[in-house]
Amino acid sequence: MTTGEEGSASVMVLAVSLVVLVVALAVTGASTAIAAGHRARTGADLAALAAAAHAAAGTEVACGAAAEIASANATRVVACSVTGAEAVVTVAAELPRPMAGLAEPRSTARAGPVSGTDGRSS
């Protein structure tokens, strides 16, 4: 005697497996994008510090140092400016190939002396 339901459990297992796979891919993609954003923020901070440390040598040298540090942190300098001892650097972090169509995460950081103080610590 057959009930017509033979193999229905296999179809259900395949459907559930597909849903789990889609959710896992979505979570992986989101976490990759978040990690790229963190990498951009870290790269911008370190690149701005490098540029500020070389600010006395001029904008070209300072921004070159920023580009070198940004590259070491898997980011690239998009904009760099040096005014006096202050450096402002914007970097972008590249996304993996499957996400290449999305906007790159960018971050801007400033480094230099603290404004409005006399330089003494309290």
PDB file of N, CA and C in Angstrom:
ATOM      1  N   MET A   1       0.829  -1.171   0.000  1.00  0.00           N
ATOM      2  CA  MET A   1       0.000   0.000   0.000  1.00  0.00           C
ATOM      3  C   MET A   1       0.889   1.255   0.000  1.00  0.00           C
ATOM      4  N   THR A   2       0.668   2.137  -0.918  1.00  0.00           N
ATOM      5  CA  THR A   2       1.459   3.365  -0.977  1.00  0.00           C
ATOM      6  C   THR A   2       0.569   4.559  -0.661  1.00  0.00           C
ATOM      7  N   THR A   3       1.186   5.527  -0.006  1.00  0.00           N
ATOM      8  CA  THR A   3       0.434   6.725   0.380  1.00  0.00           C
ATOM      9  C   THR A   3       0.741   7.908  -0.529  1.00  0.00           C
ATOM     10  N   GLY A   4       1.715   7.783  -1.423  1.00  0.00           N
ATOM     11  CA  GLY A   4       2.069   8.885  -2.310  1.00  0.00           C
ATOM     12  C   GLY A   4       3.020   9.877  -1.687  1.00  0.00           C
ATOM     13  N   GLU A   5       3.492   9.590  -0.506  1.00  0.00           N
ATOM     14  CA  GLU A   5       4.387  10.512   0.186  1.00  0.00           C
ATOM     15  C   GLU A   5       5.810   9.992   0.267  1.00  0.00           C
ATOM     16  N   GLU A   6       6.143   8.942  -0.485  1.00  0.00           N
ATOM     17  CA  GLU A   6       7.498   8.429  -0.464  1.00  0.00           C
ATOM     18  C   GLU A   6       8.447   9.483  -1.021  1.00  0.00           C
ATOM     19  N   GLY A   7       9.548   9.731  -0.326  1.00  0.00           N
ATOM     20  CA  GLY A   7      10.539  10.702  -0.786  1.00  0.00           C
ATOM     21  C   GLY A   7      10.262  12.129  -0.375  1.00  0.00           C
ATOM     22  N   SER A   8       9.149  12.398   0.281  1.00  0.00           N
ATOM     23  CA  SER A   8       8.849  13.786   0.660  1.00  0.00           C
ATOM     24  C   SER A   8       9.821  14.297   1.720  1.00  0.00           C
ATOM     25  N   ALA A   9      10.359  13.411   2.539  1.00  0.00           N
ATOM     26  CA  ALA A   9      11.337  13.841   3.547  1.00  0.00           C
ATOM     27  C   ALA A   9      12.616  14.322   2.864  1.00  0.00           C
ATOM     28  N   SER A  10      12.990  13.692   1.774  1.00  0.00           N
ATOM     29  CA  SER A  10      14.187  14.103   1.027  1.00  0.00           C
ATOM     30  C   SER A  10      14.014  15.514   0.477  1.00  0.00           C
ATOM     31  N   VAL A  11      12.862  15.815  -0.040  1.00  0.00           N
ATOM     32  CA  VAL A  11      12.587  17.150  -0.572  1.00  0.00           C
ATOM     33  C   VAL A  11      12.635  18.178   0.553  1.00  0.00           C
ATOM     34  N   MET A  12      12.090  17.831   1.709  1.00  0.00           N
ATOM     35  CA  MET A  12      12.096  18.748   2.854  1.00  0.00           C
ATOM     36  C   MET A  12      13.529  18.999   3.326  1.00  0.00           C
ATOM     37  N   VAL A  13      14.346  17.963   3.392  1.00  0.00           N
ATOM     38  CA  VAL A  13      15.748  18.112   3.805  1.00  0.00           C
ATOM     39  C   VAL A  13      16.494  18.996   2.820  1.00  0.00           C
ATOM     40  N   LEU A  14      16.275  18.820   1.533  1.00  0.00           N
ATOM     41  CA  LEU A  14      16.916  19.666   0.526  1.00  0.00           C
ATOM     42  C   LEU A  14      16.481  21.124   0.675  1.00  0.00           C
ATOM     43  N   ALA A  15      15.212  21.365   0.908  1.00  0.00           N
ATOM     44  CA  ALA A  15      14.716  22.732   1.062  1.00  0.00           C
ATOM     45  C   ALA A  15      15.330  23.400   2.285  1.00  0.00           C
ATOM     46  N   VAL A  16      15.366  22.693   3.401  1.00  0.00           N
ATOM     47  CA  VAL A  16      15.952  23.252   4.625  1.00  0.00           C
ATOM     48  C   VAL A  16      17.455  23.500   4.429  1.00  0.00           C
ATOM     49  N   SER A  17      18.128  22.586   3.756  1.00  0.00           N
ATOM     50  CA  SER A  17      19.561  22.750   3.483  1.00  0.00           C
ATOM     51  C   SER A  17      19.819  23.989   2.635  1.00  0.00           C
ATOM     52  N   LEU A  18      18.976  24.225   1.649  1.00  0.00           N
ATOM     53  CA  LEU A  18      19.107  25.400   0.801  1.00  0.00           C
ATOM     54  C   LEU A  18      18.920  26.684   1.606  1.00  0.00           C
ATOM     55  N   VAL A  19      17.944  26.710   2.482  1.00  0.00           N
ATOM     56  CA  VAL A  19      17.716  27.887   3.327  1.00  0.00           C
ATOM     57  C   VAL A  19      18.922  28.136   4.224  1.00  0.00           C
ATOM     58  N   VAL A  20      19.461  27.087   4.831  1.00  0.00           N
ATOM     59  CA  VAL A  20      20.638  27.225   5.695  1.00  0.00           C
ATOM     60  C   VAL A  20      21.822  27.761   4.891  1.00  0.00           C
ATOM     61  N   LEU A  21      22.016  27.274   3.690  1.00  0.00           N
ATOM     62  CA  LEU A  21      23.108  27.733   2.836  1.00  0.00           C
ATOM     63  C   LEU A  21      22.961  29.213   2.484  1.00  0.00           C
ATOM     64  N   VAL A  22      21.780  29.635   2.132  1.00  0.00           N
ATOM     65  CA  VAL A  22      21.544  31.041   1.786  1.00  0.00           C
ATOM     66  C   VAL A  22      21.801  31.946   2.991  1.00  0.00           C
ATOM     67  N   VAL A  23      21.338  31.546   4.156  1.00  0.00           N
ATOM     68  CA  VAL A  23      21.570  32.334   5.375  1.00  0.00           C
ATOM     69  C   VAL A  23      23.061  32.398   5.685  1.00  0.00           C
ATOM     70  N   ALA A  24      23.765  31.283   5.556  1.00  0.00           N
ATOM     71  CA  ALA A  24      25.207  31.261   5.825  1.00  0.00           C
ATOM     72  C   ALA A  24      25.956  32.185   4.875  1.00  0.00           C
ATOM     73  N   LEU A  25      25.584  32.194   3.602  1.00  0.00           N
ATOM     74  CA  LEU A  25      26.222  33.088   2.641  1.00  0.00           C
ATOM     75  C   LEU A  25      25.941  34.554   2.967  1.00  0.00           C
ATOM     76  N   ALA A  26      24.742  34.862   3.388  1.00  0.00           N
ATOM     77  CA  ALA A  26      24.400  36.240   3.748  1.00  0.00           C
ATOM     78  C   ALA A  26      25.199  36.699   4.965  1.00  0.00           C
ATOM     79  N   VAL A  27      25.308  35.842   5.958  1.00  0.00           N
ATOM     80  CA  VAL A  27      26.070  36.186   7.164  1.00  0.00           C
ATOM     81  C   VAL A  27      27.547  36.363   6.827  1.00  0.00           C
ATOM     82  N   THR A  28      28.084  35.502   5.980  1.00  0.00           N
ATOM     83  CA  THR A  28      29.483  35.613   5.576  1.00  0.00           C
ATOM     84  C   THR A  28      29.723  36.925   4.830  1.00  0.00           C
ATOM     85  N   GLY A  29      28.828  37.269   3.931  1.00  0.00           N
ATOM     86  CA  GLY A  29      28.970  38.525   3.199  1.00  0.00           C
ATOM     87  C   GLY A  29      28.917  39.739   4.111  1.00  0.00           C
ATOM     88  N   ALA A  30      27.986  39.726   5.044  1.00  0.00           N
ATOM     89  CA  ALA A  30      27.859  40.850   5.976  1.00  0.00           C
ATOM     90  C   ALA A  30      29.102  40.970   6.857  1.00  0.00           C
ATOM     91  N   SER A  31      29.604  39.863   7.351  1.00  0.00           N
ATOM     92  CA  SER A  31      30.778  39.926   8.225  1.00  0.00           C
ATOM     93  C   SER A  31      32.022  40.352   7.449  1.00  0.00           C
ATOM     94  N   THR A  32      32.107  39.987   6.171  1.00  0.00           N
ATOM     95  CA  THR A  32      33.227  40.438   5.339  1.00  0.00           C
ATOM     96  C   THR A  32      33.172  41.949   5.136  1.00  0.00           C
ATOM     97  N   ALA A  33      31.996  42.484   4.902  1.00  0.00           N
ATOM     98  CA  ALA A  33      31.840  43.932   4.733  1.00  0.00           C
ATOM     99  C   ALA A  33      32.165  44.665   6.032  1.00  0.00           C
ATOM    100  N   ILE A  34      31.754  44.126   7.148  1.00  0.00           N
ATOM    101  CA  ILE A  34      32.058  44.740   8.446  1.00  0.00           C
ATOM    102  C   ILE A  34      33.561  44.746   8.688  1.00  0.00           C
ATOM    103  N   ALA A  35      34.218  43.632   8.386  1.00  0.00           N
ATOM    104  CA  ALA A  35      35.673  43.545   8.572  1.00  0.00           C
ATOM    105  C   ALA A  35      36.392  44.557   7.677  1.00  0.00           C
ATOM    106  N   ALA A  36      35.915  44.757   6.453  1.00  0.00           N
ATOM    107  CA  ALA A  36      36.519  45.738   5.553  1.00  0.00           C
ATOM    108  C   ALA A  36      36.351  47.153   6.114  1.00  0.00           C
ATOM    109  N   GLY A  37      35.220  47.430   6.720  1.00  0.00           N
ATOM    110  CA  GLY A  37      35.013  48.738   7.361  1.00  0.00           C
ATOM    111  C   GLY A  37      35.975  48.959   8.515  1.00  0.00           C
ATOM    112  N   HIS A  38      36.186  47.927   9.316  1.00  0.00           N
ATOM    113  CA  HIS A  38      37.157  48.032  10.413  1.00  0.00           C
ATOM    114  C   HIS A  38      38.565  48.242   9.867  1.00  0.00           C
ATOM    115  N   ARG A  39      38.893  47.523   8.790  1.00  0.00           N
ATOM    116  CA  ARG A  39      40.211  47.662   8.181  1.00  0.00           C
ATOM    117  C   ARG A  39      40.399  49.089   7.655  1.00  0.00           C
ATOM    118  N   ALA A  40      39.363  49.682   7.086  1.00  0.00           N
ATOM    119  CA  ALA A  40      39.442  51.055   6.590  1.00  0.00           C
ATOM    120  C   ALA A  40      39.689  52.036   7.733  1.00  0.00           C
ATOM    121  N   ARG A  41      38.974  51.862   8.846  1.00  0.00           N
ATOM    122  CA  ARG A  41      39.166  52.769   9.987  1.00  0.00           C
ATOM    123  C   ARG A  41      40.579  52.647  10.564  1.00  0.00           C
ATOM    124  N   THR A  42      41.058  51.420  10.693  1.00  0.00           N
ATOM    125  CA  THR A  42      42.405  51.214  11.221  1.00  0.00           C
ATOM    126  C   THR A  42      43.440  51.783  10.264  1.00  0.00           C
ATOM    127  N   GLY A  43      43.265  51.514   8.975  1.00  0.00           N
ATOM    128  CA  GLY A  43      44.202  52.038   7.984  1.00  0.00           C
ATOM    129  C   GLY A  43      44.243  53.555   7.966  1.00  0.00           C
ATOM    130  N   ALA A  44      43.093  54.193   8.105  1.00  0.00           N
ATOM    131  CA  ALA A  44      43.043  55.659   8.120  1.00  0.00           C
ATOM    132  C   ALA A  44      43.739  56.217   9.354  1.00  0.00           C
ATOM    133  N   ASP A  45      43.488  55.620  10.505  1.00  0.00           N
ATOM    134  CA  ASP A  45      44.132  56.083  11.736  1.00  0.00           C
ATOM    135  C   ASP A  45      45.652  55.995  11.639  1.00  0.00           C
ATOM    136  N   LEU A  46      46.143  54.840  11.216  1.00  0.00           N
ATOM    137  CA  LEU A  46      47.589  54.646  11.148  1.00  0.00           C
ATOM    138  C   LEU A  46      48.229  55.499  10.051  1.00  0.00           C
ATOM    139  N   ALA A  47      47.555  55.637   8.924  1.00  0.00           N
ATOM    140  CA  ALA A  47      48.089  56.463   7.841  1.00  0.00           C
ATOM    141  C   ALA A  47      48.145  57.937   8.252  1.00  0.00           C
ATOM    142  N   ALA A  48      47.132  58.412   8.970  1.00  0.00           N
ATOM    143  CA  ALA A  48      47.135  59.807   9.440  1.00  0.00           C
ATOM    144  C   ALA A  48      48.262  60.037  10.444  1.00  0.00           C
ATOM    145  N   LEU A  49      48.488  59.071  11.313  1.00  0.00           N
ATOM    146  CA  LEU A  49      49.602  59.193  12.265  1.00  0.00           C
ATOM    147  C   LEU A  49      50.940  59.241  11.538  1.00  0.00           C
ATOM    148  N   ALA A  50      51.098  58.408  10.513  1.00  0.00           N
ATOM    149  CA  ALA A  50      52.344  58.406   9.741  1.00  0.00           C
ATOM    150  C   ALA A  50      52.527  59.743   9.024  1.00  0.00           C
ATOM    151  N   ALA A  51      51.462  60.260   8.443  1.00  0.00           N
ATOM    152  CA  ALA A  51      51.557  61.543   7.744  1.00  0.00           C
ATOM    153  C   ALA A  51      51.890  62.667   8.714  1.00  0.00           C
ATOM    154  N   ALA A  52      51.267  62.671   9.886  1.00  0.00           N
ATOM    155  CA  ALA A  52      51.547  63.712  10.875  1.00  0.00           C
ATOM    156  C   ALA A  52      52.984  63.621  11.369  1.00  0.00           C
ATOM    157  N   ALA A  53      53.487  62.412  11.502  1.00  0.00           N
ATOM    158  CA  ALA A  53      54.872  62.241  11.960  1.00  0.00           C
ATOM    159  C   ALA A  53      55.869  62.776  10.943  1.00  0.00           C
ATOM    160  N   HIS A  54      55.494  62.806   9.665  1.00  0.00           N
ATOM    161  CA  HIS A  54      56.377  63.299   8.617  1.00  0.00           C
ATOM    162  C   HIS A  54      55.940  64.664   8.075  1.00  0.00           C
ATOM    163  N   ALA A  55      55.059  65.339   8.757  1.00  0.00           N
ATOM    164  CA  ALA A  55      54.507  66.610   8.275  1.00  0.00           C
ATOM    165  C   ALA A  55      55.578  67.672   8.069  1.00  0.00           C
ATOM    166  N   ALA A  56      56.590  67.683   8.911  1.00  0.00           N
ATOM    167  CA  ALA A  56      57.648  68.697   8.810  1.00  0.00           C
ATOM    168  C   ALA A  56      58.436  68.561   7.506  1.00  0.00           C
ATOM    169  N   ALA A  57      58.429  67.373   6.902  1.00  0.00           N
ATOM    170  CA  ALA A  57      59.174  67.140   5.658  1.00  0.00           C
ATOM    171  C   ALA A  57      58.382  67.574   4.427  1.00  0.00           C
ATOM    172  N   GLY A  58      57.135  67.979   4.611  1.00  0.00           N
ATOM    173  CA  GLY A  58      56.320  68.435   3.495  1.00  0.00           C
ATOM    174  C   GLY A  58      55.209  67.458   3.147  1.00  0.00           C
ATOM    175  N   THR A  59      54.256  67.953   2.384  1.00  0.00           N
ATOM    176  CA  THR A  59      53.071  67.168   2.043  1.00  0.00           C
ATOM    177  C   THR A  59      53.411  65.917   1.254  1.00  0.00           C
ATOM    178  N   GLU A  60      54.308  66.030   0.278  1.00  0.00           N
ATOM    179  CA  GLU A  60      54.636  64.873  -0.568  1.00  0.00           C
ATOM    180  C   GLU A  60      55.231  63.735   0.257  1.00  0.00           C
ATOM    181  N   VAL A  61      56.168  64.051   1.129  1.00  0.00           N
ATOM    182  CA  VAL A  61      56.799  63.027   1.968  1.00  0.00           C
ATOM    183  C   VAL A  61      55.783  62.465   2.958  1.00  0.00           C
ATOM    184  N   ALA A  62      55.001  63.349   3.580  1.00  0.00           N
ATOM    185  CA  ALA A  62      54.013  62.915   4.576  1.00  0.00           C
ATOM    186  C   ALA A  62      52.958  62.013   3.947  1.00  0.00           C
ATOM    187  N   CYS A  63      52.449  62.395   2.796  1.00  0.00           N
ATOM    188  CA  CYS A  63      51.423  61.578   2.136  1.00  0.00           C
ATOM    189  C   CYS A  63      52.023  60.292   1.573  1.00  0.00           C
ATOM    190  N   GLY A  64      53.288  60.313   1.207  1.00  0.00           N
ATOM    191  CA  GLY A  64      53.968  59.089   0.791  1.00  0.00           C
ATOM    192  C   GLY A  64      54.070  58.099   1.942  1.00  0.00           C
ATOM    193  N   ALA A  65      54.390  58.612   3.128  1.00  0.00           N
ATOM    194  CA  ALA A  65      54.442  57.751   4.317  1.00  0.00           C
ATOM    195  C   ALA A  65      53.056  57.198   4.629  1.00  0.00           C
ATOM    196  N   ALA A  66      52.033  58.034   4.462  1.00  0.00           N
ATOM    197  CA  ALA A  66      50.657  57.579   4.702  1.00  0.00           C
ATOM    198  C   ALA A  66      50.283  56.476   3.719  1.00  0.00           C
ATOM    199  N   ALA A  67      50.659  56.633   2.455  1.00  0.00           N
ATOM    200  CA  ALA A  67      50.344  55.622   1.439  1.00  0.00           C
ATOM    201  C   ALA A  67      51.044  54.301   1.741  1.00  0.00           C
ATOM    202  N   GLU A  68      52.277  54.374   2.209  1.00  0.00           N
ATOM    203  CA  GLU A  68      53.022  53.156   2.545  1.00  0.00           C
ATOM    204  C   GLU A  68      52.356  52.399   3.696  1.00  0.00           C
ATOM    205  N   ILE A  69      51.959  53.127   4.724  1.00  0.00           N
ATOM    206  CA  ILE A  69      51.288  52.500   5.875  1.00  0.00           C
ATOM    207  C   ILE A  69      49.910  51.975   5.474  1.00  0.00           C
ATOM    208  N   ALA A  70      49.194  52.738   4.663  1.00  0.00           N
ATOM    209  CA  ALA A  70      47.868  52.291   4.212  1.00  0.00           C
ATOM    210  C   ALA A  70      47.981  50.991   3.420  1.00  0.00           C
ATOM    211  N   SER A  71      48.958  50.925   2.554  1.00  0.00           N
ATOM    212  CA  SER A  71      49.162  49.720   1.754  1.00  0.00           C
ATOM    213  C   SER A  71      49.488  48.516   2.635  1.00  0.00           C
ATOM    214  N   ALA A  72      50.279  48.730   3.674  1.00  0.00           N
ATOM    215  CA  ALA A  72      50.623  47.642   4.599  1.00  0.00           C
ATOM    216  C   ALA A  72      49.393  47.142   5.349  1.00  0.00           C
ATOM    217  N   ASN A  73      48.344  47.963   5.408  1.00  0.00           N
ATOM    218  CA  ASN A  73      47.111  47.587   6.094  1.00  0.00           C
ATOM    219  C   ASN A  73      45.991  47.236   5.119  1.00  0.00           C
ATOM    220  N   ALA A  74      46.362  46.882   3.891  1.00  0.00           N
ATOM    221  CA  ALA A  74      45.408  46.456   2.854  1.00  0.00           C
ATOM    222  C   ALA A  74      44.358  47.523   2.553  1.00  0.00           C
ATOM    223  N   THR A  75      44.791  48.776   2.555  1.00  0.00           N
ATOM    224  CA  THR A  75      43.927  49.894   2.166  1.00  0.00           C
ATOM    225  C   THR A  75      44.722  50.763   1.192  1.00  0.00           C
ATOM    226  N   ARG A  76      44.061  51.751   0.616  1.00  0.00           N
ATOM    227  CA  ARG A  76      44.762  52.695  -0.262  1.00  0.00           C
ATOM    228  C   ARG A  76      44.311  54.112   0.067  1.00  0.00           C
ATOM    229  N   VAL A  77      45.233  55.045  -0.058  1.00  0.00           N
ATOM    230  CA  VAL A  77      44.941  56.445   0.239  1.00  0.00           C
ATOM    231  C   VAL A  77      44.113  57.021  -0.906  1.00  0.00           C
ATOM    232  N   VAL A  78      42.996  57.633  -0.539  1.00  0.00           N
ATOM    233  CA  VAL A  78      42.120  58.280  -1.506  1.00  0.00           C
ATOM    234  C   VAL A  78      42.367  59.787  -1.494  1.00  0.00           C
ATOM    235  N   ALA A  79      42.632  60.330  -0.308  1.00  0.00           N
ATOM    236  CA  ALA A  79      42.909  61.760  -0.167  1.00  0.00           C
ATOM    237  C   ALA A  79      43.868  61.962   1.003  1.00  0.00           C
ATOM    238  N   CYS A  80      44.736  62.949   0.856  1.00  0.00           N
ATOM    239  CA  CYS A  80      45.701  63.243   1.917  1.00  0.00           C
ATOM    240  C   CYS A  80      46.011  64.736   1.878  1.00  0.00           C
ATOM    241  N   SER A  81      45.921  65.378   3.019  1.00  0.00           N
ATOM    242  CA  SER A  81      46.291  66.788   3.101  1.00  0.00           C
ATOM    243  C   SER A  81      47.067  67.028   4.392  1.00  0.00           C
ATOM    244  N   VAL A  82      48.025  67.920   4.298  1.00  0.00           N
ATOM    245  CA  VAL A  82      48.845  68.272   5.457  1.00  0.00           C
ATOM    246  C   VAL A  82      48.830  69.786   5.580  1.00  0.00           C
ATOM    247  N   THR A  83      48.436  70.252   6.761  1.00  0.00           N
ATOM    248  CA  THR A  83      48.420  71.685   7.058  1.00  0.00           C
ATOM    249  C   THR A  83      49.193  71.876   8.361  1.00  0.00           C
ATOM    250  N   GLY A  84      50.359  72.463   8.260  1.00  0.00           N
ATOM    251  CA  GLY A  84      51.195  72.603   9.456  1.00  0.00           C
ATOM    252  C   GLY A  84      51.592  71.224   9.948  1.00  0.00           C
ATOM    253  N   ALA A  85      51.274  70.936  11.207  1.00  0.00           N
ATOM    254  CA  ALA A  85      51.592  69.629  11.797  1.00  0.00           C
ATOM    255  C   ALA A  85      50.401  68.684  11.763  1.00  0.00           C
ATOM    256  N   GLU A  86      49.305  69.124  11.136  1.00  0.00           N
ATOM    257  CA  GLU A  86      48.086  68.309  11.101  1.00  0.00           C
ATOM    258  C   GLU A  86      47.941  67.596   9.757  1.00  0.00           C
ATOM    259  N   ALA A  87      47.586  66.327   9.819  1.00  0.00           N
ATOM    260  CA  ALA A  87      47.363  65.539   8.605  1.00  0.00           C
ATOM    261  C   ALA A  87      45.942  64.980   8.624  1.00  0.00           C
ATOM    262  N   VAL A  88      45.288  65.021   7.476  1.00  0.00           N
ATOM    263  CA  VAL A  88      43.967  64.420   7.304  1.00  0.00           C
ATOM    264  C   VAL A  88      44.081  63.444   6.134  1.00  0.00           C
ATOM    265  N   VAL A  89      43.775  62.181   6.415  1.00  0.00           N
ATOM    266  CA  VAL A  89      43.933  61.131   5.408  1.00  0.00           C
ATOM    267  C   VAL A  89      42.625  60.355   5.277  1.00  0.00           C
ATOM    268  N   THR A  90      42.231  60.101   4.029  1.00  0.00           N
ATOM    269  CA  THR A  90      41.075  59.251   3.736  1.00  0.00           C
ATOM    270  C   THR A  90      41.584  58.021   3.000  1.00  0.00           C
ATOM    271  N   VAL A  91      41.161  56.847   3.466  1.00  0.00           N
ATOM    272  CA  VAL A  91      41.554  55.600   2.815  1.00  0.00           C
ATOM    273  C   VAL A  91      40.318  54.800   2.439  1.00  0.00           C
ATOM    274  N   ALA A  92      40.502  53.865   1.515  1.00  0.00           N
ATOM    275  CA  ALA A  92      39.443  52.940   1.113  1.00  0.00           C
ATOM    276  C   ALA A  92      39.977  51.521   1.248  1.00  0.00           C
ATOM    277  N   ALA A  93      39.124  50.626   1.704  1.00  0.00           N
ATOM    278  CA  ALA A  93      39.478  49.215   1.826  1.00  0.00           C
ATOM    279  C   ALA A  93      38.792  48.455   0.694  1.00  0.00           C
ATOM    280  N   GLU A  94      39.549  47.630   0.007  1.00  0.00           N
ATOM    281  CA  GLU A  94      38.988  46.864  -1.100  1.00  0.00           C
ATOM    282  C   GLU A  94      38.147  45.712  -0.567  1.00  0.00           C
ATOM    283  N   LEU A  95      37.036  45.475  -1.241  1.00  0.00           N
ATOM    284  CA  LEU A  95      36.170  44.346  -0.898  1.00  0.00           C
ATOM    285  C   LEU A  95      36.579  43.126  -1.716  1.00  0.00           C
ATOM    286  N   PRO A  96      36.312  41.928  -1.230  1.00  0.00           N
ATOM    287  CA  PRO A  96      36.614  40.725  -2.009  1.00  0.00           C
ATOM    288  C   PRO A  96      35.867  40.711  -3.334  1.00  0.00           C
ATOM    289  N   ARG A  97      36.353  39.951  -4.288  1.00  0.00           N
ATOM    290  CA  ARG A  97      35.802  39.929  -5.643  1.00  0.00           C
ATOM    291  C   ARG A  97      34.290  39.706  -5.712  1.00  0.00           C
ATOM    292  N   PRO A  98      33.702  38.782  -4.947  1.00  0.00           N
ATOM    293  CA  PRO A  98      32.242  38.612  -5.081  1.00  0.00           C
ATOM    294  C   PRO A  98      31.447  39.862  -4.687  1.00  0.00           C
ATOM    295  N   MET A  99      32.049  40.742  -3.902  1.00  0.00           N
ATOM    296  CA  MET A  99      31.353  41.946  -3.449  1.00  0.00           C
ATOM    297  C   MET A  99      31.891  43.190  -4.150  1.00  0.00           C
ATOM    298  N   ALA A 100      32.656  43.002  -5.210  1.00  0.00           N
ATOM    299  CA  ALA A 100      33.349  44.112  -5.864  1.00  0.00           C
ATOM    300  C   ALA A 100      32.416  45.199  -6.407  1.00  0.00           C
ATOM    301  N   GLY A 101      31.166  44.872  -6.676  1.00  0.00           N
ATOM    302  CA  GLY A 101      30.232  45.868  -7.196  1.00  0.00           C
ATOM    303  C   GLY A 101      29.731  46.846  -6.143  1.00  0.00           C
ATOM    304  N   LEU A 102      29.949  46.542  -4.882  1.00  0.00           N
ATOM    305  CA  LEU A 102      29.488  47.418  -3.802  1.00  0.00           C
ATOM    306  C   LEU A 102      30.484  48.550  -3.565  1.00  0.00           C
ATOM    307  N   ALA A 103      30.034  49.603  -2.934  1.00  0.00           N
ATOM    308  CA  ALA A 103      30.913  50.728  -2.620  1.00  0.00           C
ATOM    309  C   ALA A 103      31.972  50.299  -1.606  1.00  0.00           C
ATOM    310  N   GLU A 104      33.200  50.729  -1.842  1.00  0.00           N
ATOM    311  CA  GLU A 104      34.284  50.410  -0.921  1.00  0.00           C
ATOM    312  C   GLU A 104      34.087  51.157   0.396  1.00  0.00           C
ATOM    313  N   PRO A 105      34.351  50.495   1.511  1.00  0.00           N
ATOM    314  CA  PRO A 105      34.292  51.232   2.774  1.00  0.00           C
ATOM    315  C   PRO A 105      35.441  52.242   2.829  1.00  0.00           C
ATOM    316  N   ARG A 106      35.119  53.454   3.231  1.00  0.00           N
ATOM    317  CA  ARG A 106      36.126  54.522   3.346  1.00  0.00           C
ATOM    318  C   ARG A 106      36.104  55.075   4.758  1.00  0.00           C
ATOM    319  N   SER A 107      37.240  55.617   5.142  1.00  0.00           N
ATOM    320  CA  SER A 107      37.331  56.236   6.455  1.00  0.00           C
ATOM    321  C   SER A 107      38.332  57.383   6.392  1.00  0.00           C
ATOM    322  N   THR A 108      38.051  58.426   7.147  1.00  0.00           N
ATOM    323  CA  THR A 108      38.930  59.587   7.221  1.00  0.00           C
ATOM    324  C   THR A 108      39.403  59.742   8.658  1.00  0.00           C
ATOM    325  N   ALA A 109      40.688  60.068   8.811  1.00  0.00           N
ATOM    326  CA  ALA A 109      41.251  60.272  10.148  1.00  0.00           C
ATOM    327  C   ALA A 109      42.125  61.513  10.135  1.00  0.00           C
ATOM    328  N   ARG A 110      42.189  62.142  11.273  1.00  0.00           N
ATOM    329  CA  ARG A 110      43.011  63.336  11.474  1.00  0.00           C
ATOM    330  C   ARG A 110      44.028  63.019  12.550  1.00  0.00           C
ATOM    331  N   ALA A 111      45.251  63.485  12.343  1.00  0.00           N
ATOM    332  CA  ALA A 111      46.290  63.326  13.367  1.00  0.00           C
ATOM    333  C   ALA A 111      47.103  64.610  13.416  1.00  0.00           C
ATOM    334  N   GLY A 112      47.527  64.945  14.590  1.00  0.00           N
ATOM    335  CA  GLY A 112      48.331  66.146  14.790  1.00  0.00           C
ATOM    336  C   GLY A 112      48.134  66.637  16.205  1.00  0.00           C
ATOM    337  N   PRO A 113      48.643  67.813  16.469  1.00  0.00           N
ATOM    338  CA  PRO A 113      48.504  68.352  17.824  1.00  0.00           C
ATOM    339  C   PRO A 113      47.059  68.640  18.177  1.00  0.00           C
ATOM    340  N   VAL A 114      46.749  68.568  19.424  1.00  0.00           N
ATOM    341  CA  VAL A 114      45.404  68.855  19.899  1.00  0.00           C
ATOM    342  C   VAL A 114      45.177  70.356  19.837  1.00  0.00           C
ATOM    343  N   SER A 115      44.065  70.774  19.230  1.00  0.00           N
ATOM    344  CA  SER A 115      43.764  72.196  19.088  1.00  0.00           C
ATOM    345  C   SER A 115      43.301  72.789  20.401  1.00  0.00           C
ATOM    346  N   GLY A 116      43.695  74.021  20.652  1.00  0.00           N
ATOM    347  CA  GLY A 116      43.186  74.762  21.807  1.00  0.00           C
ATOM    348  C   GLY A 116      43.848  74.418  23.126  1.00  0.00           C
ATOM    349  N   THR A 117      44.988  73.778  23.104  1.00  0.00           N
ATOM    350  CA  THR A 117      45.675  73.505  24.368  1.00  0.00           C
ATOM    351  C   THR A 117      47.063  74.114  24.308  1.00  0.00           C
ATOM    352  N   ASP A 118      47.678  74.208  25.450  1.00  0.00           N
ATOM    353  CA  ASP A 118      49.029  74.771  25.489  1.00  0.00           C
ATOM    354  C   ASP A 118      50.089  73.671  25.429  1.00  0.00           C
ATOM    355  N   GLY A 119      49.682  72.421  25.181  1.00  0.00           N
ATOM    356  CA  GLY A 119      50.626  71.326  25.029  1.00  0.00           C
ATOM    357  C   GLY A 119      51.000  70.630  26.313  1.00  0.00           C
ATOM    358  N   ARG A 120      50.515  71.143  27.446  1.00  0.00           N
ATOM    359  CA  ARG A 120      50.842  70.499  28.728  1.00  0.00           C
ATOM    360  C   ARG A 120      49.764  69.494  29.074  1.00  0.00           C
ATOM    361  N   SER A 121      50.173  68.388  29.670  1.00  0.00           N
ATOM    362  CA  SER A 121      49.187  67.407  30.129  1.00  0.00           C
ATOM    363  C   SER A 121      48.726  67.784  31.518  1.00  0.00           C
ATOM    364  N   SER A 122      47.491  67.417  31.819  1.00  0.00           N
ATOM    365  CA  SER A 122      46.957  67.764  33.140  1.00  0.00           C
ATOM    366  C   SER A 122      46.931  66.588  34.052  1.00  0.00           C
TER     367      SER A 122
END
